[in-house]
Amino acid sequence: MSSPSFANGDAVRVKALFPPGHVRTPFYCRGKRGTVERVIGPYHNPEELAYGERNPNALVLYRVKFAQAELWENYEGDEADVLELELYESWLELDEDHT
């Protein structure tokens, strides 16, 4: 495992991937923009653990903050409403449009 690719405050986008099988990234956040709230650290890849991998890779886990309006079309709540999700680095990419 290498050092974290992202730091607190980085603008990121969740990759819009749709692989088959056990996936720990919620469907509703794929392709959406957020901000790294904090780097949590390395953990065994839960997607590999789900298939019985005995020595899964370690991936960096992040807490990412999303505006609710980014996640839900026609969101009618307060514009300051946010949702924080814990996502693995393999699902994140730098948001080039908001850096």
Protein backbone atom coordinates (compact mmCIF):
# COMPACT_ATOMS: atom_id res chain seq x y z
CA MET A 1 0.00 0.00 0.00
CA SER A 2 1.32 3.41 -0.91
CA SER A 3 0.67 6.69 0.83
CA PRO A 4 -2.77 8.27 0.42
CA SER A 5 -3.43 9.80 -2.99
CA PHE A 6 -5.81 12.42 -1.58
CA ALA A 7 -5.65 14.84 1.33
CA ASN A 8 -8.19 16.64 3.48
CA GLY A 9 -10.00 19.24 1.39
CA ASP A 10 -9.32 17.62 -2.00
CA ALA A 11 -12.18 17.73 -4.50
CA VAL A 12 -12.89 14.18 -5.66
CA ARG A 13 -15.38 12.34 -7.80
CA VAL A 14 -16.59 8.81 -7.17
CA LYS A 15 -15.85 6.67 -10.21
CA ALA A 16 -18.95 5.71 -12.17
CA LEU A 17 -18.15 1.99 -12.17
CA PHE A 18 -20.74 -0.76 -12.22
CA PRO A 19 -18.84 -4.01 -11.69
CA PRO A 20 -20.72 -7.20 -10.93
CA GLY A 21 -20.51 -8.82 -7.53
CA HIS A 22 -20.02 -7.56 -4.01
CA VAL A 23 -19.30 -3.84 -4.02
CA ARG A 24 -19.11 -1.56 -0.96
CA THR A 25 -19.69 1.74 -2.78
CA PRO A 26 -23.32 2.88 -2.79
CA PHE A 27 -24.91 3.17 -6.22
CA TYR A 28 -26.31 6.65 -5.52
CA CYS A 29 -22.87 8.26 -5.06
CA ARG A 30 -21.19 6.89 -8.19
CA GLY A 31 -20.20 9.68 -10.55
CA LYS A 32 -20.88 12.31 -7.88
CA ARG A 33 -18.55 15.05 -6.59
CA GLY A 34 -17.46 15.43 -3.00
CA THR A 35 -14.68 16.70 -0.76
CA VAL A 36 -12.28 14.61 1.29
CA GLU A 37 -13.19 15.33 4.89
CA ARG A 38 -10.39 13.17 6.30
CA VAL A 39 -8.03 10.32 5.55
CA ILE A 40 -8.99 7.40 7.78
CA GLY A 41 -6.18 5.03 6.84
CA PRO A 42 -5.44 1.66 5.27
CA TYR A 43 -7.79 -1.32 5.63
CA HIS A 44 -8.11 -4.66 3.92
CA ASN A 45 -10.12 -4.46 0.72
CA PRO A 46 -13.66 -5.54 1.72
CA GLU A 47 -14.51 -6.46 -1.87
CA GLU A 48 -11.70 -9.03 -1.84
CA LEU A 49 -12.60 -10.20 1.67
CA ALA A 50 -16.16 -10.89 0.49
CA TYR A 51 -14.79 -13.50 -1.90
CA GLY A 52 -12.58 -15.20 0.66
CA GLU A 53 -9.25 -13.66 -0.29
CA ARG A 54 -6.85 -14.64 2.49
CA ASN A 55 -4.38 -11.79 1.97
CA PRO A 56 -6.41 -8.89 0.59
CA ASN A 57 -4.75 -5.70 -0.54
CA ALA A 58 -4.78 -2.75 1.82
CA LEU A 59 -6.64 0.29 0.50
CA VAL A 60 -6.81 3.76 1.96
CA LEU A 61 -10.24 4.64 3.33
CA TYR A 62 -11.50 8.23 3.23
CA ARG A 63 -14.41 10.13 4.74
CA VAL A 64 -15.94 12.09 1.83
CA LYS A 65 -18.52 14.86 2.25
CA PHE A 66 -21.22 15.37 -0.39
CA ALA A 67 -23.79 18.11 -0.71
CA GLN A 68 -27.20 16.42 -0.56
CA ALA A 69 -28.17 18.33 -3.71
CA GLU A 70 -25.26 16.64 -5.52
CA LEU A 71 -26.57 13.19 -4.61
CA TRP A 72 -30.31 13.59 -5.08
CA GLU A 73 -31.96 15.13 -8.11
CA ASN A 74 -34.57 17.75 -7.14
CA TYR A 75 -33.37 17.84 -3.52
CA GLU A 76 -35.62 20.26 -1.64
CA GLY A 77 -33.80 20.41 1.70
CA ASP A 78 -31.48 23.08 2.99
CA GLU A 79 -28.59 23.77 0.61
CA ALA A 80 -26.18 23.30 3.54
CA ASP A 81 -27.29 19.67 4.05
CA VAL A 82 -24.47 17.17 3.55
CA LEU A 83 -23.91 13.42 3.69
CA GLU A 84 -20.58 11.87 4.66
CA LEU A 85 -19.57 8.46 3.32
CA GLU A 86 -16.53 6.30 3.89
CA LEU A 87 -15.08 5.28 0.53
CA TYR A 88 -11.99 3.40 -0.54
CA GLU A 89 -9.33 5.05 -2.67
CA SER A 90 -9.90 2.66 -5.58
CA TRP A 91 -13.32 4.28 -6.08
CA LEU A 92 -12.09 7.89 -6.06
CA GLU A 93 -10.50 10.15 -8.63
CA LEU A 94 -9.43 13.78 -8.50
CA ASP A 95 -12.27 16.06 -9.61
CA GLU A 96 -10.43 17.99 -12.32
CA ASP A 97 -13.41 20.34 -12.78
CA HIS A 98 -13.20 21.63 -9.19
CA THR A 99 -9.52 21.69 -8.23
